[in-house]
N, C-alpha and C. Protein backbone atom coordinates (compact mmCIF):
# COMPACT_ATOMS: atom_id res chain seq x y z
N MET A 1 -4.75 -5.08 -13.25
CA MET A 1 -3.83 -4.56 -12.55
C MET A 1 -2.88 -5.04 -12.59
N PRO A 2 -1.71 -5.56 -13.77
CA PRO A 2 -0.48 -5.43 -14.09
C PRO A 2 0.06 -3.70 -13.78
N ASN A 3 -1.11 -3.35 -14.93
CA ASN A 3 -0.50 -1.83 -15.26
C ASN A 3 -0.64 -1.29 -14.44
N ASP A 4 -1.63 -0.80 -12.91
CA ASP A 4 -1.14 -0.91 -11.69
C ASP A 4 -0.56 -1.01 -11.36
N LEU A 5 0.35 -2.32 -11.12
CA LEU A 5 1.48 -2.51 -10.65
C LEU A 5 2.61 -1.55 -11.02
N ARG A 6 2.63 -2.21 -12.65
CA ARG A 6 4.39 -1.46 -13.22
C ARG A 6 4.41 0.30 -12.95
N GLU A 7 2.96 1.21 -13.18
CA GLU A 7 2.72 2.44 -12.19
C GLU A 7 3.57 2.49 -11.43
N VAL A 8 2.93 2.20 -10.24
CA VAL A 8 3.21 2.07 -8.73
C VAL A 8 4.62 1.64 -8.40
N LYS A 9 5.59 0.77 -9.37
CA LYS A 9 6.38 0.43 -9.60
C LYS A 9 7.51 1.73 -10.12
N ARG A 10 7.12 2.50 -10.98
CA ARG A 10 7.85 4.05 -11.46
C ARG A 10 7.04 4.96 -10.41
N ILE A 11 6.07 5.22 -9.70
CA ILE A 11 5.75 5.97 -9.04
C ILE A 11 6.81 5.84 -7.29
N ILE A 12 6.97 4.82 -6.95
CA ILE A 12 7.95 4.29 -5.94
C ILE A 12 9.40 4.73 -6.45
N ALA A 13 10.20 3.80 -7.67
CA ALA A 13 11.13 4.18 -8.01
C ALA A 13 11.78 5.73 -8.48
N ALA A 14 10.72 6.42 -8.65
CA ALA A 14 11.10 7.89 -9.06
C ALA A 14 11.54 8.79 -8.19
N GLY A 15 10.77 8.95 -7.51
CA GLY A 15 10.31 9.62 -5.89
C GLY A 15 10.17 11.01 -5.55
N ASP A 16 10.40 11.48 -5.16
CA ASP A 16 9.69 12.77 -4.94
C ASP A 16 10.39 13.65 -5.76
N GLY A 17 9.58 15.18 -5.71
CA GLY A 17 10.09 16.38 -5.98
C GLY A 17 12.00 16.75 -5.12
N GLN A 18 12.17 15.82 -4.33
CA GLN A 18 13.79 16.70 -4.24
C GLN A 18 14.36 15.33 -3.97
N SER A 19 14.30 14.53 -5.10
CA SER A 19 15.18 13.34 -5.69
C SER A 19 14.67 11.98 -4.68
N ARG A 20 13.99 12.58 -3.42
CA ARG A 20 14.15 11.31 -2.52
C ARG A 20 13.60 10.44 -2.69
N ARG A 21 13.80 8.57 -2.96
CA ARG A 21 12.84 7.36 -2.45
C ARG A 21 11.43 7.91 -1.67
N VAL A 22 10.48 7.93 -2.43
CA VAL A 22 9.01 7.39 -1.67
C VAL A 22 9.08 5.99 -1.18
N ASN A 23 7.95 5.73 -0.48
CA ASN A 23 8.04 4.25 0.70
C ASN A 23 6.48 4.23 0.35
N TYR A 24 6.18 4.24 -0.74
CA TYR A 24 4.66 4.50 -1.29
C TYR A 24 3.61 4.67 -2.44
N ALA A 25 3.07 4.12 -2.90
CA ALA A 25 2.20 4.93 -3.89
C ALA A 25 0.65 4.71 -4.37
N GLU A 26 -0.39 5.59 -3.76
CA GLU A 26 -1.35 5.78 -4.35
C GLU A 26 -2.02 5.75 -5.96
N ILE A 27 -3.00 4.53 -5.68
CA ILE A 27 -3.42 4.34 -7.02
C ILE A 27 -5.47 4.30 -7.23
N VAL A 28 -6.02 4.93 -7.48
CA VAL A 28 -7.00 5.43 -7.54
C VAL A 28 -7.52 4.24 -8.45
N THR A 29 -8.45 2.88 -8.02
CA THR A 29 -8.46 1.96 -8.94
C THR A 29 -9.65 1.60 -9.40
N ASP A 30 -11.27 2.82 -8.83
CA ASP A 30 -12.10 3.05 -9.45
C ASP A 30 -12.31 4.27 -9.33
N PRO A 31 -12.35 5.29 -10.35
CA PRO A 31 -12.58 6.69 -10.30
C PRO A 31 -14.19 7.12 -9.99
N ASP A 32 -15.69 6.00 -10.36
CA ASP A 32 -16.54 6.16 -10.64
C ASP A 32 -17.21 6.87 -8.85
N ARG A 33 -16.27 5.95 -8.05
CA ARG A 33 -16.67 5.27 -6.80
C ARG A 33 -15.95 5.84 -6.24
N GLY A 34 -14.88 6.38 -6.26
CA GLY A 34 -13.59 6.97 -5.31
C GLY A 34 -12.12 6.06 -4.55
N GLY A 35 -12.56 4.54 -5.43
CA GLY A 35 -11.60 3.58 -4.99
C GLY A 35 -10.32 3.96 -5.22
N ASN A 36 -9.52 3.32 -3.84
CA ASN A 36 -8.24 3.68 -4.29
C ASN A 36 -7.50 2.84 -4.20
N ALA A 37 -5.92 2.38 -3.87
CA ALA A 37 -5.56 1.20 -3.31
C ALA A 37 -4.04 2.16 -2.81
N LEU A 38 -3.78 1.53 -1.88
CA LEU A 38 -2.16 2.28 -1.10
C LEU A 38 -0.93 0.59 -1.30
N PHE A 39 -0.20 1.60 -1.83
CA PHE A 39 1.40 0.35 -2.41
C PHE A 39 2.47 0.60 -1.58
N PHE A 40 2.73 -0.24 -0.42
CA PHE A 40 4.02 -0.44 0.55
C PHE A 40 4.87 -1.09 0.12
N ALA A 41 6.18 -0.63 -0.60
CA ALA A 41 7.00 -1.73 -0.71
C ALA A 41 7.56 -2.57 0.38
N VAL A 42 7.88 -3.44 1.20
CA VAL A 42 8.06 -4.12 2.25
C VAL A 42 8.94 -5.32 2.05
N ASN A 43 10.49 -5.20 2.95
CA ASN A 43 11.05 -5.71 2.59
C ASN A 43 11.77 -6.99 4.35
N GLU A 44 11.28 -7.03 4.80
CA GLU A 44 10.74 -7.24 7.02
C GLU A 44 10.33 -8.81 5.93
N GLU A 45 11.09 -9.36 7.12
CA GLU A 45 10.73 -11.24 6.99
C GLU A 45 9.60 -11.42 7.03
N GLU A 46 8.52 -10.63 8.00
CA GLU A 46 7.37 -11.72 8.68
C GLU A 46 6.33 -10.61 8.71
N ARG A 47 5.59 -10.34 7.43
CA ARG A 47 3.90 -9.21 7.46
C ARG A 47 2.68 -9.86 8.13
N ASP A 48 2.22 -9.33 8.26
CA ASP A 48 0.68 -9.64 8.84
C ASP A 48 -0.42 -8.16 8.58
N GLY A 49 -1.50 -8.92 8.49
CA GLY A 49 -2.56 -8.03 8.56
C GLY A 49 -3.55 -8.31 9.14
N TYR A 50 -4.09 -7.27 9.20
CA TYR A 50 -5.80 -7.10 10.10
C TYR A 50 -6.56 -5.85 9.88
N GLU A 51 -8.18 -5.95 9.99
CA GLU A 51 -9.05 -5.20 9.65
C GLU A 51 -9.85 -4.76 10.48
N ALA A 52 -10.34 -3.90 10.43
CA ALA A 52 -11.77 -3.78 11.37
C ALA A 52 -12.87 -3.68 10.78
N LEU A 53 -13.58 -3.83 11.31
CA LEU A 53 -15.08 -4.33 10.34
C LEU A 53 -15.95 -3.26 11.37
N GLU A 54 -17.00 -2.73 10.64
CA GLU A 54 -18.33 -2.76 10.61
C GLU A 54 -19.57 -3.48 11.04
N GLU A 55 -20.61 -3.78 12.14
CA GLU A 55 -21.48 -4.87 11.53
C GLU A 55 -21.72 -5.46 10.46
N ASP A 56 -21.70 -4.22 9.92
CA ASP A 56 -22.30 -4.86 7.73
C ASP A 56 -21.18 -5.39 7.02
N GLY A 57 -19.92 -5.28 8.16
CA GLY A 57 -18.90 -5.75 7.32
C GLY A 57 -18.38 -4.72 6.29
N THR A 58 -18.62 -3.59 6.63
CA THR A 58 -18.23 -2.12 6.22
C THR A 58 -16.41 -2.33 6.97
N VAL A 59 -15.16 -1.75 6.49
CA VAL A 59 -13.54 -1.88 6.27
C VAL A 59 -13.64 -0.42 6.93
N VAL A 60 -13.45 -0.21 7.73
CA VAL A 60 -13.20 0.68 8.74
C VAL A 60 -12.12 1.22 9.45
N CYS A 61 -11.63 0.38 8.86
CA CYS A 61 -9.60 0.26 9.59
C CYS A 61 -8.57 -0.52 8.70
N LEU A 62 -7.59 -0.59 7.87
CA LEU A 62 -6.81 -1.73 8.19
C LEU A 62 -5.39 -1.62 8.38
N ALA A 63 -4.95 -2.71 9.31
CA ALA A 63 -3.67 -2.21 9.34
C ALA A 63 -2.42 -3.59 9.65
N PHE A 64 -1.50 -2.87 8.97
CA PHE A 64 0.01 -3.95 8.47
C PHE A 64 0.75 -3.66 9.47
N ILE A 65 0.84 -4.73 9.34
CA ILE A 65 2.64 -5.15 10.64
C ILE A 65 3.74 -5.42 9.13
N ALA A 66 5.26 -5.36 9.99
CA ALA A 66 5.97 -6.32 9.43
C ALA A 66 7.32 -5.63 10.64
N TYR A 67 7.74 -6.78 10.68
CA TYR A 67 8.91 -6.21 11.13
C TYR A 67 10.24 -8.00 10.83
N ASP A 68 11.45 -7.61 10.91
CA ASP A 68 12.34 -9.02 11.20
C ASP A 68 11.83 -9.65 12.77
N PHE A 69 13.23 -10.50 12.80
CA PHE A 69 13.36 -11.57 13.96
C PHE A 69 14.89 -10.51 13.88
N ALA A 70 15.15 -10.72 15.19
CA ALA A 70 16.10 -10.25 15.96
C ALA A 70 16.90 -11.67 15.88
N TYR A 71 18.39 -11.97 15.77
CA TYR A 71 19.38 -12.69 15.77
C TYR A 71 20.68 -11.84 16.55
């Protein structure tokens, strides 16, 4: 996983073809089964995540929220 995290940092820092900074990276973590992971840079004060599961426990949706408290 450390190599994956270094690759994530490189992808986000490199930006896209128009030199814009990208806000996520997708890394293939299990090529044989098609598994991948999405990584997002998050600077917000509060973070939380939720998952929706089928009855057998299969993940069908992941939701991530991040926000700052307004002062």
